[in-house]
Amino acid sequence: MMRGYRVHGRCQDASGAPVEAIVRIRSLPMPIEPDMGAGDTASARSGANGVFEFTTAIPPGVWPLAAELRGWMLEEPDTLQVPEFEAPPPLVVTMRALPFIEGWVFDDAGAPVVRAKVEVRQRRGNYIESSYSKEDGSFMIYQRNRDGAPVNLFVVGDEIQEREFPGLIEWGTRGVKLVVERSRSFPIRVIERESGAAVEDFAIRRSENANGQPSSGYQLQAPHLGGLAEVGGLRNGLNYVIVIPTDPALVPSVWIKLDTNAAAEEPLTIALDRLHALEVVVRLRDGTPVAGSNLRVFDRPLAHDSAWVDARSTSREVFGTGPYSQLLAAAVSDASGHGRLFAPEGSEELFVDAHGEHLPTKFSLVRPFEQAPPIELLVSLGAASAKPCPRTGVSPSRLWSPAPTGSTWLASHA
């Protein structure tokens, strides 16, 4: 084994004054302590006199170096060289104090805004220059890029209307006051369409357009008595929300329009459809059952292969012009070729794709719940026809390829 050395040194600013910081040696090639792993990081903290020492021996080599302290950045060096046959000289780490912009975020009533994100609007190098406001609304943004040009500030948060402040602000400015409007809210009530019963366990996501591009993560992730909830974080005017039930037997809603400028005397009722079992069987044209066929059912045909979403998965989001096909259910055919899909019972038309050890094929199922089960899905081991098929019963069409799905918070509550 190679010999290691205890690295020590001093952390200081450009004038030589001591700086208290955390110095890190990264990408070490092997565990050097019982609780460390290969490629891990060793850390040492400098005291008031700037002196630090690593408690573990560092092996010979050239290692990436970092130093951390709020309001400071590492100036030099960016690597540490440990000789093979002698101890390295004391390491001198020089830090650079960062210029900053300091101020407060208030609402239009003069109250401080907590957890508002204040960020520099311009793209400036590789660093994100931003800060979150504290309990008193105060914030401090550090200039992490060497470009000292004045900047615009942008404020965003769940409880406020996002706003850009176009006036240029010089680095080093203090006492900046940013005034924003509070977000709006809208009452909703969620029920099951068939029974009219309240749906109490659900989450929502917000969007600023009807194309289904979420502008927020999951919100209201808690049971709601009587299915009632107050959707917050809305901007003035039109907003769109989707309701995502925890119960996997219920279908997420379509994107619902909420107008915060319209007086809401009663909560807006959002009805969710219940999924019902749909029996299918996958066969070759000679009647041979096909096992292991991966089946998916959508509420509309795909505009292109990737134009589908899964409301329960943040890993299946599509950005662009919609609307998009919504994944309703998935299944795998068994040894007899049978599979069970799920869809709303009143569906006029569903769209199924099948892929496996056969040609990927898609089908149009017209009034599927009026057909005698199981619905036969015919696939081929040979060439596929590109000719479109009539929409009668089950209609195979052009080829398409599968895309992965993911899991979300909702999966753990199912």
Protein backbone atom coordinates (compact mmCIF):
# COMPACT_ATOMS: atom_id res chain seq x y z
CA MET A 1 0.00 0.00 0.00
CA MET A 2 1.13 3.55 -0.68
CA ARG A 3 2.15 5.69 2.25
CA GLY A 4 -0.18 8.54 3.16
CA TYR A 5 0.53 11.89 4.80
CA ARG A 6 -1.35 14.09 7.24
CA VAL A 7 -2.00 17.30 5.33
CA HIS A 8 -2.13 20.55 7.30
CA GLY A 9 -2.02 24.23 6.44
CA ARG A 10 -3.65 27.63 6.80
CA CYS A 11 -6.72 29.28 5.27
CA GLN A 12 -6.44 33.03 4.60
CA ASP A 13 -7.66 35.93 2.46
CA ALA A 14 -5.60 37.81 -0.13
CA SER A 15 -4.06 40.04 2.57
CA GLY A 16 -2.99 37.05 4.67
CA ALA A 17 -5.66 37.46 7.36
CA PRO A 18 -6.96 34.13 8.72
CA VAL A 19 -10.28 32.77 7.44
CA GLU A 20 -12.46 30.15 9.12
CA ALA A 21 -13.61 27.75 6.40
CA ILE A 22 -14.10 24.08 5.55
CA VAL A 23 -11.35 22.71 3.29
CA ARG A 24 -12.15 19.57 1.29
CA ILE A 25 -10.02 17.09 -0.66
CA ARG A 26 -12.21 15.32 -3.22
CA SER A 27 -12.23 12.20 -5.41
CA LEU A 28 -9.99 10.13 -3.16
CA PRO A 29 -9.39 6.74 -4.83
CA MET A 30 -10.13 4.36 -1.95
CA PRO A 31 -11.70 4.28 1.51
CA ILE A 32 -9.26 5.82 3.99
CA GLU A 33 -11.63 5.63 6.98
CA PRO A 34 -14.15 2.92 7.98
CA ASP A 35 -17.17 5.08 7.09
CA MET A 36 -15.79 6.39 3.79
CA GLY A 37 -16.18 5.01 0.29
CA ALA A 38 -14.08 5.08 -2.86
CA GLY A 39 -14.23 8.51 -4.48
CA ASP A 40 -15.14 10.10 -1.15
CA THR A 41 -14.16 13.48 0.28
CA ALA A 42 -11.98 14.29 3.29
CA SER A 43 -12.74 17.53 5.18
CA ALA A 44 -10.97 19.75 7.71
CA ARG A 45 -12.18 22.95 9.37
CA SER A 46 -9.87 25.89 9.98
CA GLY A 47 -10.03 27.68 13.33
CA ALA A 48 -10.02 31.38 14.15
CA ASN A 49 -6.29 31.44 13.36
CA GLY A 50 -6.96 29.87 9.93
CA VAL A 51 -5.02 26.70 10.78
CA PHE A 52 -6.43 23.29 9.77
CA GLU A 53 -5.27 19.67 9.71
CA PHE A 54 -6.83 16.59 8.15
CA THR A 55 -7.31 13.74 10.61
CA THR A 56 -6.72 11.05 7.97
CA ALA A 57 -3.63 10.35 5.88
CA ILE A 58 -3.97 11.46 2.26
CA PRO A 59 -2.35 9.14 -0.34
CA PRO A 60 0.17 10.44 -2.91
CA GLY A 61 -1.37 12.00 -6.00
CA VAL A 62 -3.00 15.15 -7.30
CA TRP A 63 -6.47 15.69 -5.79
CA PRO A 64 -9.20 18.30 -6.47
CA LEU A 65 -9.39 20.88 -3.69
CA ALA A 66 -12.39 22.91 -2.51
CA ALA A 67 -13.06 25.37 0.30
CA GLU A 68 -16.46 26.49 1.58
CA LEU A 69 -17.62 29.49 3.56
CA ARG A 70 -20.73 31.60 3.03
CA GLY A 71 -19.76 34.84 1.32
CA TRP A 72 -16.37 33.49 0.21
CA MET A 73 -14.94 31.47 -2.68
CA LEU A 74 -11.75 29.52 -3.14
CA GLU A 75 -9.18 31.62 -5.00
CA GLU A 76 -6.27 29.19 -5.09
CA PRO A 77 -5.09 26.47 -5.34
CA ASP A 78 -7.72 24.21 -6.94
CA THR A 79 -5.66 21.03 -6.53
CA LEU A 80 -3.49 19.45 -3.83
CA GLN A 81 -0.34 17.56 -4.79
CA VAL A 82 0.89 14.96 -2.31
CA PRO A 83 4.41 13.62 -3.12
CA GLU A 84 5.06 9.89 -3.06
CA PHE A 85 8.13 9.77 -0.79
CA GLU A 86 7.91 12.87 1.41
CA ALA A 87 5.35 14.84 3.35
CA PRO A 88 3.82 17.78 1.42
CA PRO A 89 4.62 21.33 2.58
CA PRO A 90 1.94 23.20 4.57
CA LEU A 91 -1.03 23.93 2.33
CA VAL A 92 -1.92 27.62 1.98
CA VAL A 93 -5.55 28.08 0.91
CA THR A 94 -6.47 31.59 -0.26
CA MET A 95 -10.12 32.68 -0.17
CA ARG A 96 -11.85 35.57 -1.94
CA ALA A 97 -14.56 37.64 -0.23
CA LEU A 98 -17.62 38.00 -2.49
CA PRO A 99 -19.41 41.30 -3.18
CA PHE A 100 -23.15 41.15 -2.44
CA ILE A 101 -26.52 42.82 -2.87
CA GLU A 102 -28.58 43.07 0.31
CA GLY A 103 -32.22 43.97 0.85
CA TRP A 104 -35.76 42.88 1.78
CA VAL A 105 -38.81 41.39 0.07
CA PHE A 106 -42.19 42.83 1.13
CA ASP A 107 -45.73 42.29 -0.10
CA ASP A 108 -47.91 45.21 -1.18
CA ALA A 109 -49.28 45.46 2.38
CA GLY A 110 -45.78 46.00 3.76
CA ALA A 111 -45.45 42.54 5.38
CA PRO A 112 -42.18 40.61 4.94
CA VAL A 113 -42.24 37.68 2.52
CA VAL A 114 -40.60 34.49 3.77
CA ARG A 115 -38.83 31.95 1.50
CA ALA A 116 -39.06 34.06 -1.64
CA LYS A 117 -36.28 33.19 -4.07
CA VAL A 118 -34.40 36.29 -5.23
CA GLU A 119 -32.10 35.60 -8.15
CA VAL A 120 -30.01 37.41 -10.72
CA ARG A 121 -31.92 37.42 -14.00
CA GLN A 122 -28.91 37.45 -16.33
CA ARG A 123 -27.06 34.24 -17.13
CA ARG A 124 -23.62 34.75 -15.60
CA GLY A 125 -21.10 31.95 -15.95
CA ASN A 126 -21.47 28.59 -14.21
CA TYR A 127 -22.76 29.76 -10.84
CA ILE A 128 -26.33 30.43 -9.71
CA GLU A 129 -26.50 33.77 -7.92
CA SER A 130 -29.60 33.66 -5.72
CA SER A 131 -30.85 33.83 -2.15
CA TYR A 132 -33.98 32.97 -0.16
CA SER A 133 -35.58 35.61 2.03
CA LYS A 134 -35.61 35.01 5.79
CA GLU A 135 -38.37 35.49 8.39
CA ASP A 136 -37.95 39.26 8.27
CA GLY A 137 -37.91 39.26 4.45
CA SER A 138 -34.17 39.97 4.28
CA PHE A 139 -31.93 38.48 1.60
CA MET A 140 -28.30 38.64 0.53
CA ILE A 141 -27.08 37.60 -2.93
CA TYR A 142 -23.37 37.01 -3.36
CA GLN A 143 -21.54 37.73 -6.62
CA ARG A 144 -20.18 34.30 -7.42
CA ASN A 145 -18.96 35.33 -10.88
CA ARG A 146 -16.11 37.73 -11.49
CA ASP A 147 -18.26 39.82 -13.82
CA GLY A 148 -19.06 42.90 -11.74
CA ALA A 149 -21.63 44.36 -14.15
CA PRO A 150 -24.91 45.59 -12.56
CA VAL A 151 -27.80 43.12 -12.66
CA ASN A 152 -31.59 42.76 -12.71
CA LEU A 153 -33.32 40.82 -9.93
CA PHE A 154 -36.18 38.35 -10.27
CA VAL A 155 -38.38 37.16 -7.38
CA VAL A 156 -40.42 33.97 -7.33
CA GLY A 157 -42.15 31.91 -4.62
CA ASP A 158 -45.18 29.75 -3.85
CA GLU A 159 -46.94 32.53 -1.95
CA ILE A 160 -46.25 35.42 -4.32
CA GLN A 161 -46.68 36.55 -7.90
CA GLU A 162 -43.35 36.20 -9.65
CA ARG A 163 -41.92 39.56 -10.67
CA GLU A 164 -38.87 40.89 -12.47
CA PHE A 165 -37.28 44.16 -11.38
CA PRO A 166 -35.69 45.59 -14.55
CA GLY A 167 -33.67 48.37 -12.92
CA LEU A 168 -29.95 47.63 -12.87
CA ILE A 169 -28.47 47.22 -9.38
CA GLU A 170 -24.78 47.60 -8.62
CA TRP A 171 -22.96 44.95 -6.60
CA GLY A 172 -22.38 46.26 -3.10
CA THR A 173 -25.82 47.90 -2.91
CA ARG A 174 -27.62 47.59 0.44
CA GLY A 175 -31.17 48.39 1.50
CA VAL A 176 -32.85 47.17 -1.72
CA LYS A 177 -36.63 46.91 -1.26
CA LEU A 178 -38.50 44.52 -3.55
CA VAL A 179 -42.33 44.71 -3.38
CA VAL A 180 -44.39 41.82 -4.77
CA GLU A 181 -48.03 40.76 -4.81
CA ARG A 182 -49.28 37.80 -2.82
CA SER A 183 -50.52 34.76 -4.74
CA ARG A 184 -54.20 34.04 -5.13
CA SER A 185 -56.11 30.94 -4.03
CA PHE A 186 -59.15 29.06 -5.33
CA PRO A 187 -61.45 26.54 -3.56
CA ILE A 188 -62.09 23.11 -5.11
CA ARG A 189 -64.05 20.00 -4.16
CA VAL A 190 -62.99 16.60 -5.53
CA ILE A 191 -65.52 13.79 -5.95
CA GLU A 192 -65.81 10.42 -7.68
CA ARG A 193 -67.98 10.79 -10.78
CA GLU A 194 -69.87 7.49 -10.51
CA SER A 195 -70.85 7.61 -6.84
CA GLY A 196 -70.55 11.31 -6.05
CA ALA A 197 -68.51 10.39 -2.97
CA ALA A 198 -65.84 12.79 -1.79
CA VAL A 199 -62.24 11.98 -2.77
CA GLU A 200 -60.14 13.07 0.19
CA ASP A 201 -56.65 11.80 -0.53
CA PHE A 202 -55.09 13.60 -3.49
CA ALA A 203 -52.42 16.05 -4.60
CA ILE A 204 -52.46 18.80 -7.20
CA ARG A 205 -49.99 20.31 -9.63
CA ARG A 206 -50.22 23.77 -11.15
CA SER A 207 -49.60 24.97 -14.70
CA GLU A 208 -49.71 28.34 -16.41
CA ASN A 209 -51.13 26.95 -19.65
CA ALA A 210 -53.58 24.33 -20.87
CA ASN A 211 -50.88 22.25 -22.57
CA GLY A 212 -50.08 20.39 -19.37
CA GLN A 213 -46.62 21.74 -18.62
CA PRO A 214 -46.44 21.71 -14.79
CA SER A 215 -45.00 24.81 -13.15
CA SER A 216 -45.02 23.28 -9.65
CA GLY A 217 -44.32 20.01 -7.90
CA TYR A 218 -46.93 18.06 -5.96
CA GLN A 219 -48.93 20.23 -3.56
CA LEU A 220 -51.68 19.62 -1.00
CA GLN A 221 -50.31 16.13 -0.32
CA ALA A 222 -52.62 15.40 2.59
CA PRO A 223 -56.14 14.07 3.21
CA HIS A 224 -58.77 16.75 2.59
CA LEU A 225 -61.95 16.43 4.65
CA GLY A 226 -64.97 16.16 2.40
CA GLY A 227 -62.70 16.48 -0.66
CA LEU A 228 -62.38 20.23 -0.02
CA ALA A 229 -59.11 22.07 -0.57
CA GLU A 230 -57.84 25.59 -1.17
CA VAL A 231 -55.43 25.72 -4.11
CA GLY A 232 -52.82 28.39 -3.41
CA GLY A 233 -49.88 29.81 -5.30
CA LEU A 234 -52.04 30.99 -8.19
CA ARG A 235 -51.31 34.03 -10.30
CA ASN A 236 -53.87 36.69 -11.24
CA GLY A 237 -56.17 35.51 -14.03
CA LEU A 238 -56.11 32.08 -15.65
CA ASN A 239 -54.38 29.13 -14.02
CA TYR A 240 -54.57 25.39 -14.63
CA VAL A 241 -54.43 22.54 -12.13
CA ILE A 242 -54.51 18.78 -12.35
CA VAL A 243 -55.85 16.63 -9.49
CA ILE A 244 -53.90 13.41 -8.89
CA PRO A 245 -55.64 10.92 -6.57
CA THR A 246 -53.61 8.63 -4.35
CA ASP A 247 -56.01 5.76 -5.08
CA PRO A 248 -54.58 4.06 -8.21
CA ALA A 249 -58.13 2.97 -9.15
CA LEU A 250 -59.04 6.61 -9.85
CA VAL A 251 -57.95 8.48 -12.97
CA PRO A 252 -56.15 11.83 -12.59
CA SER A 253 -58.23 14.72 -13.87
CA VAL A 254 -57.60 16.62 -17.06
CA TRP A 255 -56.09 20.09 -16.67
CA ILE A 256 -58.76 22.25 -15.01
CA LYS A 257 -59.01 26.00 -15.65
CA LEU A 258 -59.18 28.27 -12.58
CA ASP A 259 -59.80 32.00 -13.01
CA THR A 260 -58.77 33.90 -9.88
CA ASN A 261 -60.44 37.05 -11.21
CA ALA A 262 -63.85 35.34 -11.08
CA ALA A 263 -65.63 35.35 -7.73
CA ALA A 264 -65.87 31.80 -6.38
CA GLU A 265 -69.03 31.63 -4.27
CA GLU A 266 -68.83 27.82 -4.17
CA PRO A 267 -65.85 25.47 -4.57
CA LEU A 268 -65.30 24.23 -8.10
CA THR A 269 -66.30 20.56 -8.27
CA ILE A 270 -63.79 18.29 -10.02
CA ALA A 271 -65.09 14.77 -10.78
CA LEU A 272 -62.66 11.87 -11.14
CA ASP A 273 -63.40 8.70 -13.11
CA ARG A 274 -62.93 5.24 -11.63
CA LEU A 275 -60.92 2.65 -13.53
CA HIS A 276 -62.60 -0.62 -14.54
CA ALA A 277 -60.97 -3.84 -15.63
CA LEU A 278 -60.67 -4.51 -19.34
CA GLU A 279 -59.71 -8.07 -20.29
CA VAL A 280 -57.55 -8.49 -23.41
CA VAL A 281 -55.68 -11.34 -25.05
CA VAL A 282 -52.64 -11.06 -27.33
CA ARG A 283 -52.44 -13.58 -30.16
CA LEU A 284 -50.75 -14.17 -33.47
CA ARG A 285 -53.04 -14.29 -36.48
CA ASP A 286 -53.05 -18.10 -36.40
CA GLY A 287 -54.45 -17.98 -32.86
CA THR A 288 -51.20 -18.69 -31.02
CA PRO A 289 -51.18 -16.83 -27.64
CA VAL A 290 -48.33 -14.40 -27.06
CA ALA A 291 -46.82 -14.26 -23.59
CA GLY A 292 -44.73 -11.39 -22.22
CA SER A 293 -46.28 -8.69 -24.37
CA ASN A 294 -46.03 -5.30 -22.64
CA LEU A 295 -49.35 -3.51 -22.91
CA ARG A 296 -50.20 0.12 -22.24
CA VAL A 297 -53.49 1.95 -22.58
CA PHE A 298 -53.83 5.70 -23.31
CA ASP A 299 -56.76 8.09 -23.45
CA ARG A 300 -55.86 9.45 -26.91
CA PRO A 301 -53.62 8.57 -29.85
CA LEU A 302 -50.04 9.73 -29.74
CA ALA A 303 -49.05 12.74 -31.83
CA HIS A 304 -45.57 11.17 -31.88
CA ASP A 305 -43.79 8.39 -30.01
CA SER A 306 -42.84 10.46 -26.94
CA ALA A 307 -45.98 12.59 -26.72
CA TRP A 308 -47.42 10.92 -23.62
CA VAL A 309 -47.42 11.74 -19.94
CA ASP A 310 -48.07 9.97 -16.67
CA ALA A 311 -49.67 12.35 -14.18
CA ARG A 312 -48.36 10.19 -11.34
CA SER A 313 -44.73 10.47 -12.46
CA THR A 314 -42.53 13.56 -12.65
CA SER A 315 -40.11 11.57 -14.83
CA ARG A 316 -42.71 11.46 -17.62
CA GLU A 317 -43.13 15.14 -18.44
CA VAL A 318 -43.18 16.50 -21.99
CA PHE A 319 -42.46 20.14 -22.79
CA GLY A 320 -43.92 21.72 -25.89
CA THR A 321 -47.35 22.10 -27.41
CA GLY A 322 -50.00 19.65 -26.23
CA PRO A 323 -52.33 18.10 -25.45
CA TYR A 324 -50.61 14.81 -24.69
CA SER A 325 -51.77 11.22 -24.35
CA GLN A 326 -52.30 10.21 -20.74
CA LEU A 327 -51.12 6.77 -19.61
CA LEU A 328 -54.04 5.04 -17.89
CA ALA A 329 -52.63 1.58 -17.11
CA ALA A 330 -50.04 -1.02 -18.09
CA ALA A 331 -49.89 -4.82 -17.98
CA VAL A 332 -47.94 -7.83 -19.27
CA SER A 333 -49.69 -10.72 -20.99
CA ASP A 334 -49.41 -14.09 -19.21
CA ALA A 335 -48.61 -17.51 -20.65
CA SER A 336 -52.08 -17.72 -22.22
CA GLY A 337 -51.71 -14.27 -23.78
CA HIS A 338 -54.19 -12.70 -21.38
CA GLY A 339 -53.75 -9.35 -19.68
CA ARG A 340 -55.88 -6.96 -17.65
CA LEU A 341 -55.91 -3.25 -18.38
CA PHE A 342 -57.90 -0.53 -16.64
CA ALA A 343 -59.80 2.45 -18.03
CA PRO A 344 -62.91 4.56 -17.32
CA GLU A 345 -66.01 2.48 -18.08
CA GLY A 346 -67.61 5.19 -20.22
CA SER A 347 -64.64 5.45 -22.59
CA GLU A 348 -65.72 5.86 -26.21
CA GLU A 349 -62.28 4.98 -27.53
CA LEU A 350 -59.01 3.80 -26.01
CA PHE A 351 -55.56 3.41 -27.50
CA VAL A 352 -53.41 0.40 -26.65
CA ASP A 353 -49.87 -0.45 -27.65
CA ALA A 354 -48.19 -3.86 -27.41
CA HIS A 355 -44.48 -4.58 -27.62
CA GLY A 356 -42.46 -7.68 -26.85
CA GLU A 357 -41.11 -10.56 -28.91
CA HIS A 358 -43.28 -9.45 -31.80
CA LEU A 359 -43.60 -6.35 -33.92
CA PRO A 360 -44.59 -3.35 -31.79
CA THR A 361 -48.20 -2.58 -32.66
CA LYS A 362 -50.85 -0.14 -31.56
CA PHE A 363 -54.61 -0.55 -31.49
CA SER A 364 -57.70 1.63 -31.39
CA LEU A 365 -60.43 0.15 -29.17
CA VAL A 366 -63.85 1.62 -29.97
CA ARG A 367 -66.42 1.40 -27.12
CA PRO A 368 -64.30 -1.31 -25.49
CA PHE A 369 -66.62 -1.99 -22.55
CA GLU A 370 -69.44 -2.86 -24.94
CA GLN A 371 -67.37 -5.67 -26.46
CA ALA A 372 -67.39 -9.24 -25.17
CA PRO A 373 -64.23 -9.98 -23.17
CA PRO A 374 -61.48 -10.69 -23.78
CA ILE A 375 -60.74 -8.22 -26.56
CA GLU A 376 -58.37 -9.84 -29.05
CA LEU A 377 -55.17 -7.96 -29.93
CA LEU A 378 -53.56 -9.48 -33.02
CA VAL A 379 -49.82 -9.02 -33.47
CA SER A 380 -47.39 -10.24 -36.08
CA LEU A 381 -43.92 -11.73 -36.19
CA GLY A 382 -43.53 -10.60 -39.79
CA ALA A 383 -43.61 -7.26 -41.60
CA ALA A 384 -46.11 -4.67 -40.45
CA SER A 385 -48.37 -2.75 -42.75
CA ALA A 386 -48.15 1.04 -42.69
CA LYS A 387 -51.68 1.29 -44.10
CA PRO A 388 -54.10 2.84 -41.56
CA CYS A 389 -56.87 0.57 -40.32
CA PRO A 390 -60.56 1.48 -39.82
CA ARG A 391 -61.74 2.34 -36.30
CA THR A 392 -63.95 -0.70 -35.77
CA GLY A 393 -63.50 -2.67 -32.61
CA VAL A 394 -59.75 -3.15 -32.42
CA SER A 395 -57.54 -1.45 -35.03
CA PRO A 396 -53.80 -2.11 -35.37
CA SER A 397 -51.90 0.86 -36.78
CA ARG A 398 -48.35 2.09 -37.38
CA LEU A 399 -45.42 1.10 -35.19
CA TRP A 400 -44.30 3.02 -32.14
CA SER A 401 -41.65 2.43 -29.49
CA PRO A 402 -42.07 2.23 -25.70
CA ALA A 403 -40.81 4.87 -23.28
CA PRO A 404 -39.91 4.39 -19.61
CA THR A 405 -42.12 5.26 -16.69
CA GLY A 406 -41.10 6.37 -13.19
CA SER A 407 -42.36 6.49 -9.63
CA THR A 408 -43.41 9.44 -7.51
CA TRP A 409 -44.62 10.38 -4.05
CA LEU A 410 -47.97 8.92 -5.00
CA ALA A 411 -46.53 5.45 -5.45
CA SER A 412 -45.64 5.26 -1.76
CA HIS A 413 -49.21 6.20 -0.83
CA ALA A 414 -50.96 3.82 -3.17
